[in-house]
Amino acid sequence: MRIVVLVSGAGSNLQAVIDSVSSGALQVEIAAVGADRPGTGGVQRSADAGIDTFVVNFADYPNRADWNTALTQAVAFYQPDYVVSSGFMRIVGEEFLDSFPNRYLNTHPALLPSFPGAHGVRDALAYGVKVTGCTVMIADAGVDTGPILAQQAVEVLDDDTEDSLHERIKVLERRLLIETLASLAERADHATR
C-alpha cells in the first residue's frame, strides 16, 4: 500500500510512521512527503530518510483554488492508495477530496464528534470532560466530520494543562495512526490475493 503524507510542521507523527516502516512493523510504502510551506521539520525528516519530498507553498499561489489544484497534482503524481494528513494545517478543497475519495486520512486530538476544529484539546479541557482522546478518520468536506476509522480514549487528569494533555494524546495518536495504516494495508493485501 502506497501512501503520501502531508505535513505542516515538525512531523512527529510522520517520524513514528517512518520508524515503523523502517523496522518492518508497518508494511506500507511512503511514496512521498509533501508540505504546504518550505522549511518544515517533516520534510527534513523525510529527506534524511531518503523519501521523496515536495513543497506546494501556499504563499506562492494567488488563491486557495490554484493552490489546491497544484497540491492535488503533486500528490496524484505518486499514485497513492491513501493520503495521510500528519499535522497538515491546511484545509483541502473539493477537487483534492474528489481525487482521493475515501482515501484522505486525518487524525484529531479528541473523541469525535466531540470537540471538532483546531482546538480540540483546549475545548475538551474547557468543557470539563474526564475522558478525551484521539480519532483517526477519513477526511471529508466538513470540519472533522468524516467517517471514523479508530479512536482511543485518554483520561483527563486533575492537574492537566492543555500542553500536558496534548502530549499524552499525541503518544496515543501516533500509535493509533500506525495501527490504522496497518489494518488498511492488511485489508488491501487480502483484497489483491
N, C-alpha and C. Protein backbone atom coordinates (compact mmCIF):
# COMPACT_ATOMS: atom_id res chain seq x y z
N MET A 1 0.85 -1.17 0.00
CA MET A 1 0.00 0.00 0.00
C MET A 1 0.89 1.24 0.00
N ARG A 2 0.64 2.11 -0.96
CA ARG A 2 1.43 3.34 -1.09
C ARG A 2 0.71 4.50 -0.41
N ILE A 3 1.47 5.30 0.36
CA ILE A 3 0.89 6.48 0.98
C ILE A 3 1.72 7.71 0.64
N VAL A 4 1.04 8.84 0.59
CA VAL A 4 1.70 10.14 0.58
C VAL A 4 1.29 10.82 1.88
N VAL A 5 2.26 11.38 2.59
CA VAL A 5 1.99 12.03 3.87
C VAL A 5 2.15 13.54 3.68
N LEU A 6 1.18 14.30 4.19
CA LEU A 6 1.22 15.76 4.13
C LEU A 6 1.50 16.32 5.52
N VAL A 7 2.44 17.27 5.60
CA VAL A 7 2.86 17.85 6.88
C VAL A 7 2.91 19.37 6.78
N SER A 8 2.79 20.00 7.94
CA SER A 8 2.97 21.45 8.02
C SER A 8 4.04 21.83 9.05
N GLY A 9 4.41 20.88 9.89
CA GLY A 9 5.32 21.21 10.99
C GLY A 9 6.45 20.22 11.16
N ALA A 10 6.73 19.91 12.44
CA ALA A 10 7.89 19.11 12.81
C ALA A 10 7.81 17.67 12.33
N GLY A 11 6.61 17.12 12.23
CA GLY A 11 6.46 15.77 11.69
C GLY A 11 6.68 14.67 12.70
N SER A 12 6.22 14.84 13.95
CA SER A 12 6.42 13.78 14.94
C SER A 12 5.57 12.55 14.61
N ASN A 13 4.34 12.73 14.16
CA ASN A 13 3.53 11.58 13.72
C ASN A 13 4.20 10.91 12.52
N LEU A 14 4.67 11.72 11.59
CA LEU A 14 5.36 11.20 10.41
C LEU A 14 6.57 10.37 10.82
N GLN A 15 7.35 10.85 11.79
CA GLN A 15 8.54 10.11 12.22
C GLN A 15 8.16 8.75 12.77
N ALA A 16 7.06 8.68 13.49
CA ALA A 16 6.60 7.39 14.01
C ALA A 16 6.26 6.44 12.86
N VAL A 17 5.65 6.96 11.79
CA VAL A 17 5.32 6.14 10.63
C VAL A 17 6.61 5.70 9.93
N ILE A 18 7.54 6.63 9.73
CA ILE A 18 8.83 6.30 9.10
C ILE A 18 9.54 5.21 9.90
N ASP A 19 9.57 5.35 11.22
CA ASP A 19 10.25 4.37 12.06
C ASP A 19 9.58 3.00 11.96
N SER A 20 8.25 2.98 11.92
CA SER A 20 7.51 1.71 11.84
C SER A 20 7.74 1.03 10.49
N VAL A 21 7.82 1.83 9.43
CA VAL A 21 8.11 1.27 8.10
C VAL A 21 9.54 0.74 8.07
N SER A 22 10.48 1.53 8.59
CA SER A 22 11.90 1.12 8.59
C SER A 22 12.14 -0.16 9.36
N SER A 23 11.40 -0.33 10.46
CA SER A 23 11.60 -1.52 11.30
C SER A 23 10.89 -2.75 10.74
N GLY A 24 10.03 -2.53 9.73
CA GLY A 24 9.27 -3.64 9.17
C GLY A 24 7.95 -3.89 9.90
N ALA A 25 7.66 -3.11 10.93
CA ALA A 25 6.42 -3.29 11.69
C ALA A 25 5.20 -2.82 10.91
N LEU A 26 5.41 -1.91 9.97
CA LEU A 26 4.31 -1.38 9.16
C LEU A 26 4.63 -1.64 7.69
N GLN A 27 3.78 -2.40 7.05
CA GLN A 27 4.01 -2.83 5.67
C GLN A 27 3.36 -1.86 4.68
N VAL A 28 3.87 -0.64 4.62
CA VAL A 28 3.42 0.34 3.63
C VAL A 28 4.65 0.98 3.00
N GLU A 29 4.44 1.57 1.85
CA GLU A 29 5.50 2.33 1.18
C GLU A 29 5.15 3.81 1.29
N ILE A 30 6.04 4.58 1.89
CA ILE A 30 5.85 6.03 1.92
C ILE A 30 6.40 6.55 0.60
N ALA A 31 5.49 6.81 -0.35
CA ALA A 31 5.90 7.22 -1.69
C ALA A 31 6.50 8.62 -1.68
N ALA A 32 5.95 9.49 -0.84
CA ALA A 32 6.45 10.87 -0.77
C ALA A 32 5.86 11.55 0.45
N VAL A 33 6.51 12.66 0.83
CA VAL A 33 6.02 13.53 1.89
C VAL A 33 5.97 14.94 1.32
N GLY A 34 4.82 15.58 1.48
CA GLY A 34 4.65 16.93 0.96
C GLY A 34 4.29 17.91 2.07
N ALA A 35 4.61 19.18 1.83
CA ALA A 35 4.32 20.23 2.80
C ALA A 35 3.69 21.43 2.10
N ASP A 36 3.05 22.25 2.91
CA ASP A 36 2.38 23.45 2.41
C ASP A 36 3.25 24.70 2.53
N ARG A 37 4.47 24.51 3.02
CA ARG A 37 5.41 25.63 3.15
C ARG A 37 6.82 25.07 3.24
N PRO A 38 7.80 25.84 2.84
CA PRO A 38 9.18 25.35 2.91
C PRO A 38 9.69 25.34 4.34
N GLY A 39 10.73 24.55 4.58
CA GLY A 39 11.43 24.57 5.86
C GLY A 39 10.77 23.78 6.98
N THR A 40 9.87 22.87 6.67
CA THR A 40 9.23 22.10 7.74
C THR A 40 10.15 20.97 8.21
N GLY A 41 10.05 20.67 9.48
CA GLY A 41 10.81 19.55 10.03
C GLY A 41 10.40 18.23 9.41
N GLY A 42 9.12 18.12 9.05
CA GLY A 42 8.63 16.88 8.45
C GLY A 42 9.29 16.58 7.12
N VAL A 43 9.47 17.59 6.30
CA VAL A 43 10.14 17.40 5.01
C VAL A 43 11.61 17.04 5.23
N GLN A 44 12.24 17.69 6.21
CA GLN A 44 13.64 17.38 6.51
C GLN A 44 13.80 15.95 7.00
N ARG A 45 12.90 15.52 7.90
CA ARG A 45 12.94 14.14 8.40
C ARG A 45 12.84 13.16 7.23
N SER A 46 11.95 13.47 6.28
CA SER A 46 11.72 12.59 5.14
C SER A 46 12.94 12.55 4.23
N ALA A 47 13.49 13.70 3.94
CA ALA A 47 14.68 13.75 3.09
C ALA A 47 15.82 12.97 3.75
N ASP A 48 15.96 13.12 5.07
CA ASP A 48 17.01 12.38 5.79
C ASP A 48 16.81 10.87 5.69
N ALA A 49 15.54 10.45 5.57
CA ALA A 49 15.22 9.02 5.47
C ALA A 49 15.23 8.52 4.02
N GLY A 50 15.56 9.41 3.07
CA GLY A 50 15.62 9.02 1.66
C GLY A 50 14.27 8.94 0.97
N ILE A 51 13.28 9.62 1.53
CA ILE A 51 11.93 9.62 0.97
C ILE A 51 11.77 10.85 0.08
N ASP A 52 11.12 10.68 -1.07
CA ASP A 52 10.83 11.82 -1.94
C ASP A 52 10.03 12.87 -1.18
N THR A 53 10.34 14.13 -1.43
CA THR A 53 9.61 15.22 -0.79
C THR A 53 9.20 16.25 -1.83
N PHE A 54 8.16 17.01 -1.50
CA PHE A 54 7.74 18.12 -2.34
C PHE A 54 7.10 19.19 -1.46
N VAL A 55 7.14 20.42 -1.94
CA VAL A 55 6.51 21.54 -1.25
C VAL A 55 5.59 22.24 -2.24
N VAL A 56 4.35 22.41 -1.85
CA VAL A 56 3.41 23.23 -2.61
C VAL A 56 3.09 24.40 -1.68
N ASN A 57 3.93 25.44 -1.80
CA ASN A 57 3.87 26.56 -0.87
C ASN A 57 2.59 27.38 -1.08
N PHE A 58 1.78 27.41 -0.06
CA PHE A 58 0.51 28.14 -0.13
C PHE A 58 0.73 29.60 -0.54
N ALA A 59 1.81 30.18 -0.06
CA ALA A 59 2.09 31.59 -0.34
C ALA A 59 2.44 31.86 -1.80
N ASP A 60 2.75 30.84 -2.58
CA ASP A 60 3.13 31.00 -3.98
C ASP A 60 1.93 31.08 -4.93
N TYR A 61 0.72 30.94 -4.42
CA TYR A 61 -0.46 30.87 -5.28
C TYR A 61 -1.39 32.05 -5.00
N PRO A 62 -2.02 32.57 -6.06
CA PRO A 62 -2.86 33.76 -5.90
C PRO A 62 -4.15 33.49 -5.12
N ASN A 63 -4.56 32.21 -5.07
CA ASN A 63 -5.79 31.90 -4.33
C ASN A 63 -5.77 30.44 -3.90
N ARG A 64 -6.70 30.10 -3.03
CA ARG A 64 -6.79 28.74 -2.49
C ARG A 64 -7.06 27.71 -3.58
N ALA A 65 -7.90 28.06 -4.57
CA ALA A 65 -8.25 27.11 -5.63
C ALA A 65 -7.01 26.70 -6.44
N ASP A 66 -6.18 27.67 -6.79
CA ASP A 66 -4.97 27.36 -7.55
C ASP A 66 -4.00 26.50 -6.73
N TRP A 67 -3.87 26.84 -5.45
CA TRP A 67 -3.02 26.03 -4.57
C TRP A 67 -3.55 24.60 -4.48
N ASN A 68 -4.86 24.48 -4.30
CA ASN A 68 -5.49 23.16 -4.18
C ASN A 68 -5.25 22.31 -5.43
N THR A 69 -5.35 22.94 -6.60
CA THR A 69 -5.09 22.23 -7.86
C THR A 69 -3.64 21.75 -7.90
N ALA A 70 -2.72 22.61 -7.52
CA ALA A 70 -1.30 22.24 -7.53
C ALA A 70 -1.01 21.12 -6.53
N LEU A 71 -1.62 21.19 -5.36
CA LEU A 71 -1.42 20.14 -4.36
C LEU A 71 -1.99 18.82 -4.87
N THR A 72 -3.18 18.86 -5.44
CA THR A 72 -3.80 17.66 -5.98
C THR A 72 -2.91 17.01 -7.02
N GLN A 73 -2.35 17.81 -7.92
CA GLN A 73 -1.47 17.27 -8.97
C GLN A 73 -0.19 16.69 -8.38
N ALA A 74 0.37 17.38 -7.38
CA ALA A 74 1.62 16.91 -6.77
C ALA A 74 1.41 15.57 -6.07
N VAL A 75 0.31 15.43 -5.37
CA VAL A 75 0.03 14.17 -4.67
C VAL A 75 -0.31 13.07 -5.67
N ALA A 76 -1.13 13.38 -6.66
CA ALA A 76 -1.57 12.38 -7.65
C ALA A 76 -0.38 11.80 -8.42
N PHE A 77 0.67 12.59 -8.60
CA PHE A 77 1.86 12.12 -9.30
C PHE A 77 2.39 10.81 -8.70
N TYR A 78 2.23 10.66 -7.39
CA TYR A 78 2.77 9.48 -6.69
C TYR A 78 1.79 8.31 -6.62
N GLN A 79 0.61 8.48 -7.16
CA GLN A 79 -0.42 7.44 -7.22
C GLN A 79 -0.59 6.70 -5.88
N PRO A 80 -0.93 7.46 -4.82
CA PRO A 80 -1.08 6.81 -3.51
C PRO A 80 -2.39 6.05 -3.37
N ASP A 81 -2.34 5.00 -2.56
CA ASP A 81 -3.58 4.33 -2.16
C ASP A 81 -4.29 5.18 -1.11
N TYR A 82 -3.50 5.81 -0.23
CA TYR A 82 -4.05 6.71 0.79
C TYR A 82 -3.16 7.94 0.90
N VAL A 83 -3.78 9.05 1.27
CA VAL A 83 -3.06 10.28 1.60
C VAL A 83 -3.28 10.48 3.10
N VAL A 84 -2.20 10.77 3.82
CA VAL A 84 -2.28 10.91 5.27
C VAL A 84 -1.95 12.35 5.66
N SER A 85 -2.89 12.99 6.32
CA SER A 85 -2.64 14.30 6.90
C SER A 85 -1.97 14.08 8.25
N SER A 86 -0.73 14.51 8.36
CA SER A 86 0.02 14.33 9.60
C SER A 86 0.41 15.71 10.12
N GLY A 87 -0.55 16.34 10.79
CA GLY A 87 -0.32 17.71 11.23
C GLY A 87 -0.34 18.69 10.08
N PHE A 88 -1.08 18.36 9.04
CA PHE A 88 -1.20 19.24 7.87
C PHE A 88 -2.27 20.28 8.20
N MET A 89 -1.86 21.54 8.26
CA MET A 89 -2.72 22.59 8.81
C MET A 89 -3.47 23.39 7.74
N ARG A 90 -3.67 22.82 6.59
CA ARG A 90 -4.45 23.46 5.53
C ARG A 90 -5.70 22.64 5.24
N ILE A 91 -6.77 23.33 4.97
CA ILE A 91 -8.00 22.67 4.55
C ILE A 91 -7.92 22.46 3.05
N VAL A 92 -8.08 21.22 2.62
CA VAL A 92 -8.03 20.93 1.19
C VAL A 92 -9.43 21.12 0.61
N GLY A 93 -9.47 21.37 -0.69
CA GLY A 93 -10.73 21.65 -1.36
C GLY A 93 -11.38 20.42 -1.96
N GLU A 94 -12.50 20.66 -2.57
CA GLU A 94 -13.31 19.59 -3.17
C GLU A 94 -12.54 18.83 -4.25
N GLU A 95 -11.77 19.55 -5.06
CA GLU A 95 -11.00 18.90 -6.12
C GLU A 95 -10.06 17.85 -5.54
N PHE A 96 -9.39 18.20 -4.44
CA PHE A 96 -8.47 17.26 -3.78
C PHE A 96 -9.25 16.06 -3.25
N LEU A 97 -10.32 16.32 -2.51
CA LEU A 97 -11.12 15.24 -1.92
C LEU A 97 -11.71 14.33 -2.99
N ASP A 98 -12.15 14.91 -4.10
CA ASP A 98 -12.71 14.12 -5.20
C ASP A 98 -11.65 13.26 -5.88
N SER A 99 -10.40 13.72 -5.85
CA SER A 99 -9.31 12.97 -6.48
C SER A 99 -8.87 11.77 -5.63
N PHE A 100 -9.14 11.85 -4.32
CA PHE A 100 -8.75 10.78 -3.40
C PHE A 100 -9.95 10.42 -2.53
N PRO A 101 -11.04 9.97 -3.16
CA PRO A 101 -12.27 9.72 -2.41
C PRO A 101 -12.11 8.62 -1.36
N ASN A 102 -12.51 8.94 -0.14
CA ASN A 102 -12.42 8.00 0.98
C ASN A 102 -11.00 7.47 1.20
N ARG A 103 -10.02 8.29 0.79
CA ARG A 103 -8.62 7.86 0.92
C ARG A 103 -7.74 8.92 1.57
N TYR A 104 -8.36 9.95 2.17
CA TYR A 104 -7.59 11.01 2.81
C TYR A 104 -7.77 10.87 4.32
N LEU A 105 -6.75 10.35 4.99
CA LEU A 105 -6.81 10.10 6.43
C LEU A 105 -6.37 11.32 7.21
N ASN A 106 -7.03 11.53 8.34
CA ASN A 106 -6.68 12.64 9.22
C ASN A 106 -6.75 12.15 10.65
N THR A 107 -5.96 12.76 11.51
CA THR A 107 -6.04 12.49 12.94
C THR A 107 -6.58 13.73 13.63
N HIS A 108 -7.20 13.53 14.79
CA HIS A 108 -7.75 14.66 15.55
C HIS A 108 -7.58 14.37 17.04
N PRO A 109 -7.14 15.37 17.82
CA PRO A 109 -6.87 15.14 19.24
C PRO A 109 -8.12 15.28 20.12
N ALA A 110 -9.15 14.54 19.79
CA ALA A 110 -10.37 14.45 20.61
C ALA A 110 -11.15 13.24 20.12
N LEU A 111 -12.14 12.86 20.90
CA LEU A 111 -13.02 11.76 20.51
C LEU A 111 -14.18 12.35 19.72
N LEU A 112 -14.01 12.39 18.42
CA LEU A 112 -15.06 12.95 17.57
C LEU A 112 -16.32 12.11 17.70
N PRO A 113 -17.50 12.69 17.58
CA PRO A 113 -17.77 14.03 17.07
C PRO A 113 -17.61 15.16 18.09
N SER A 114 -17.17 14.85 19.31
CA SER A 114 -16.95 15.91 20.30
C SER A 114 -15.70 16.71 19.96
N PHE A 115 -15.78 18.00 20.16
CA PHE A 115 -14.65 18.93 20.05
C PHE A 115 -13.93 18.92 18.71
N PRO A 116 -14.67 19.11 17.61
CA PRO A 116 -14.03 19.24 16.30
C PRO A 116 -13.31 20.59 16.19
N GLY A 117 -12.54 20.75 15.13
CA GLY A 117 -11.88 22.03 14.88
C GLY A 117 -10.46 22.08 15.40
N ALA A 118 -9.89 23.24 15.31
CA ALA A 118 -8.45 23.42 15.56
C ALA A 118 -8.05 23.36 17.03
N HIS A 119 -9.01 23.40 17.95
CA HIS A 119 -8.67 23.49 19.38
C HIS A 119 -9.32 22.38 20.20
N GLY A 120 -9.25 21.15 19.71
CA GLY A 120 -9.91 20.03 20.37
C GLY A 120 -9.48 19.82 21.81
N VAL A 121 -8.18 19.92 22.08
CA VAL A 121 -7.68 19.70 23.44
C VAL A 121 -8.14 20.82 24.36
N ARG A 122 -7.96 22.05 23.93
CA ARG A 122 -8.38 23.20 24.74
C ARG A 122 -9.88 23.16 25.01
N ASP A 123 -10.65 22.83 23.98
CA ASP A 123 -12.11 22.80 24.13
C ASP A 123 -12.55 21.70 25.10
N ALA A 124 -11.89 20.54 25.04
CA ALA A 124 -12.23 19.45 25.96
C ALA A 124 -11.94 19.84 27.40
N LEU A 125 -10.79 20.48 27.63
CA LEU A 125 -10.45 20.94 28.99
C LEU A 125 -11.44 21.98 29.47
N ALA A 126 -11.77 22.93 28.62
CA ALA A 126 -12.70 23.99 29.00
C ALA A 126 -14.08 23.44 29.34
N TYR A 127 -14.48 22.39 28.66
CA TYR A 127 -15.79 21.78 28.91
C TYR A 127 -15.81 20.98 30.20
N GLY A 128 -14.61 20.54 30.62
CA GLY A 128 -14.51 19.80 31.88
C GLY A 128 -14.69 18.30 31.76
N VAL A 129 -14.48 17.74 30.58
CA VAL A 129 -14.62 16.29 30.43
C VAL A 129 -13.56 15.56 31.25
N LYS A 130 -13.85 14.34 31.63
CA LYS A 130 -12.91 13.50 32.38
C LYS A 130 -12.18 12.53 31.46
N VAL A 131 -12.71 12.36 30.23
CA VAL A 131 -12.09 11.49 29.22
C VAL A 131 -12.15 12.22 27.89
N THR A 132 -11.04 12.24 27.21
CA THR A 132 -10.99 12.73 25.83
C THR A 132 -10.21 11.69 25.05
N GLY A 133 -9.50 12.07 24.01
CA GLY A 133 -8.73 11.07 23.29
C GLY A 133 -8.31 11.53 21.91
N CYS A 134 -8.22 10.56 21.00
CA CYS A 134 -7.82 10.87 19.64
C CYS A 134 -8.63 10.01 18.67
N THR A 135 -8.71 10.51 17.45
CA THR A 135 -9.51 9.87 16.40
C THR A 135 -8.70 9.82 15.11
N VAL A 136 -8.81 8.70 14.40
CA VAL A 136 -8.33 8.62 13.02
C VAL A 136 -9.58 8.47 12.17
N MET A 137 -9.68 9.30 11.13
CA MET A 137 -10.90 9.31 10.31
C MET A 137 -10.56 9.53 8.85
N ILE A 138 -11.57 9.34 8.02
CA ILE A 138 -11.48 9.74 6.62
C ILE A 138 -11.93 11.20 6.57
N ALA A 139 -11.08 12.06 6.06
CA ALA A 139 -11.44 13.48 5.97
C ALA A 139 -12.43 13.70 4.83
N ASP A 140 -13.39 14.57 5.08
CA ASP A 140 -14.35 14.95 4.05
C ASP A 140 -14.41 16.47 4.00
N ALA A 141 -15.42 17.01 3.34
CA ALA A 141 -15.50 18.46 3.15
C ALA A 141 -15.91 19.20 4.42
N GLY A 142 -16.37 18.51 5.44
CA GLY A 142 -16.74 19.15 6.69
C GLY A 142 -15.54 19.34 7.60
N VAL A 143 -15.78 19.91 8.77
CA VAL A 143 -14.72 20.10 9.76
C VAL A 143 -14.76 18.90 10.71
N ASP A 144 -13.86 17.96 10.50
CA ASP A 144 -13.75 16.77 11.34
C ASP A 144 -15.06 15.98 11.39
N THR A 145 -15.69 15.82 10.23
CA THR A 145 -16.99 15.15 10.17
C THR A 145 -16.96 13.83 9.41
N GLY A 146 -15.82 13.42 8.89
CA GLY A 146 -15.77 12.22 8.07
C GLY A 146 -15.93 10.95 8.87
N PRO A 147 -16.04 9.83 8.17
CA PRO A 147 -16.20 8.54 8.83
C PRO A 147 -15.03 8.22 9.76
N ILE A 148 -15.36 7.77 10.97
CA ILE A 148 -14.35 7.44 11.97
C ILE A 148 -13.83 6.03 11.73
N LEU A 149 -12.50 5.89 11.68
CA LEU A 149 -11.87 4.58 11.50
C LEU A 149 -11.43 3.96 12.82
N ALA A 150 -10.93 4.80 13.74
CA ALA A 150 -10.43 4.30 15.02
C ALA A 150 -10.40 5.44 16.04
N GLN A 151 -10.56 5.06 17.31
CA GLN A 151 -10.47 6.03 18.40
C GLN A 151 -9.78 5.39 19.59
N GLN A 152 -9.18 6.25 20.40
CA GLN A 152 -8.53 5.80 21.64
C GLN A 152 -8.80 6.85 22.72
N ALA A 153 -9.22 6.39 23.88
CA ALA A 153 -9.54 7.30 24.98
C ALA A 153 -8.30 7.65 25.79
N VAL A 154 -8.31 8.86 26.36
CA VAL A 154 -7.25 9.35 27.23
C VAL A 154 -7.93 10.00 28.43
N GLU A 155 -7.54 9.57 29.62
CA GLU A 155 -8.10 10.17 30.84
C GLU A 155 -7.57 11.59 31.01
N VAL A 156 -8.45 12.50 31.43
CA VAL A 156 -8.04 13.86 31.74
C VAL A 156 -7.72 13.90 33.24
N LEU A 157 -6.50 14.25 33.57
CA LEU A 157 -6.06 14.30 34.96
C LEU A 157 -6.41 15.67 35.57
N ASP A 158 -6.57 15.69 36.88
CA ASP A 158 -6.97 16.93 37.57
C ASP A 158 -6.00 18.08 37.34
N ASP A 159 -4.71 17.76 37.23
CA ASP A 159 -3.71 18.82 37.07
C ASP A 159 -3.28 19.04 35.61
N ASP A 160 -4.03 18.47 34.68
CA ASP A 160 -3.66 18.62 33.26
C ASP A 160 -3.74 20.07 32.81
N THR A 161 -2.74 20.43 32.01
CA THR A 161 -2.79 21.68 31.25
C THR A 161 -3.06 21.28 29.80
N GLU A 162 -3.31 22.26 28.96
CA GLU A 162 -3.51 21.94 27.55
C GLU A 162 -2.28 21.22 26.99
N ASP A 163 -1.09 21.69 27.35
CA ASP A 163 0.14 21.08 26.84
C ASP A 163 0.35 19.65 27.35
N SER A 164 0.15 19.44 28.64
CA SER A 164 0.39 18.09 29.20
C SER A 164 -0.61 17.09 28.63
N LEU A 165 -1.86 17.49 28.51
CA LEU A 165 -2.88 16.60 27.95
C LEU A 165 -2.59 16.32 26.48
N HIS A 166 -2.22 17.37 25.73
CA HIS A 166 -1.95 17.20 24.30
C HIS A 166 -0.77 16.25 24.09
N GLU A 167 0.24 16.34 24.93
CA GLU A 167 1.40 15.45 24.78
C GLU A 167 1.00 13.99 24.98
N ARG A 168 0.15 13.71 25.99
CA ARG A 168 -0.29 12.33 26.20
C ARG A 168 -1.17 11.85 25.05
N ILE A 169 -1.99 12.75 24.51
CA ILE A 169 -2.83 12.39 23.36
C ILE A 169 -1.95 12.08 22.16
N LYS A 170 -0.92 12.88 21.92
CA LYS A 170 -0.05 12.68 20.75
C LYS A 170 0.60 11.30 20.75
N VAL A 171 0.99 10.82 21.93
CA VAL A 171 1.61 9.49 22.02
C VAL A 171 0.63 8.43 21.51
N LEU A 172 -0.62 8.50 21.96
CA LEU A 172 -1.63 7.54 21.51
C LEU A 172 -2.01 7.76 20.06
N GLU A 173 -2.03 9.03 19.63
CA GLU A 173 -2.39 9.36 18.26
C GLU A 173 -1.42 8.71 17.27
N ARG A 174 -0.14 8.76 17.60
CA ARG A 174 0.87 8.14 16.73
C ARG A 174 0.63 6.64 16.62
N ARG A 175 0.41 6.00 17.76
CA ARG A 175 0.19 4.56 17.76
C ARG A 175 -1.09 4.20 17.01
N LEU A 176 -2.14 4.97 17.23
CA LEU A 176 -3.42 4.70 16.58
C LEU A 176 -3.32 4.87 15.06
N LEU A 177 -2.58 5.88 14.61
CA LEU A 177 -2.39 6.09 13.18
C LEU A 177 -1.66 4.89 12.57
N ILE A 178 -0.61 4.42 13.22
CA ILE A 178 0.15 3.28 12.71
C ILE A 178 -0.72 2.03 12.68
N GLU A 179 -1.49 1.80 13.76
CA GLU A 179 -2.39 0.64 13.79
C GLU A 179 -3.44 0.71 12.67
N THR A 180 -3.96 1.91 12.43
CA THR A 180 -4.97 2.08 11.38
C THR A 180 -4.36 1.83 10.00
N LEU A 181 -3.17 2.38 9.76
CA LEU A 181 -2.49 2.14 8.48
C LEU A 181 -2.20 0.65 8.30
N ALA A 182 -1.78 -0.02 9.36
CA ALA A 182 -1.50 -1.46 9.27
C ALA A 182 -2.77 -2.24 8.92
N SER A 183 -3.88 -1.86 9.52
CA SER A 183 -5.15 -2.52 9.24
C SER A 183 -5.58 -2.30 7.79
N LEU A 184 -5.43 -1.06 7.31
CA LEU A 184 -5.78 -0.76 5.91
C LEU A 184 -4.87 -1.52 4.94
N ALA A 185 -3.59 -1.60 5.27
CA ALA A 185 -2.65 -2.32 4.41
C ALA A 185 -2.97 -3.80 4.38
N GLU A 186 -3.35 -4.34 5.52
CA GLU A 186 -3.71 -5.77 5.58
C GLU A 186 -4.95 -6.04 4.74
N ARG A 187 -5.94 -5.16 4.85
CA ARG A 187 -7.15 -5.32 4.03
C ARG A 187 -6.83 -5.23 2.54
N ALA A 188 -5.96 -4.28 2.19
CA ALA A 188 -5.57 -4.12 0.78
C ALA A 188 -4.83 -5.36 0.28
N ASP A 189 -3.98 -5.93 1.14
CA ASP A 189 -3.24 -7.13 0.78
C ASP A 189 -4.18 -8.30 0.56
N HIS A 190 -5.16 -8.46 1.43
CA HIS A 190 -6.13 -9.56 1.27
C HIS A 190 -6.99 -9.36 0.01
N ALA A 191 -7.29 -8.13 -0.31
CA ALA A 191 -8.13 -7.84 -1.48
C ALA A 191 -7.42 -8.17 -2.79
N THR A 192 -6.08 -8.11 -2.78
CA THR A 192 -5.34 -8.39 -4.02
C THR A 192 -4.98 -9.86 -4.18
N ARG A 193 -5.26 -10.66 -3.17
CA ARG A 193 -4.92 -12.09 -3.24
C ARG A 193 -5.96 -12.86 -4.00
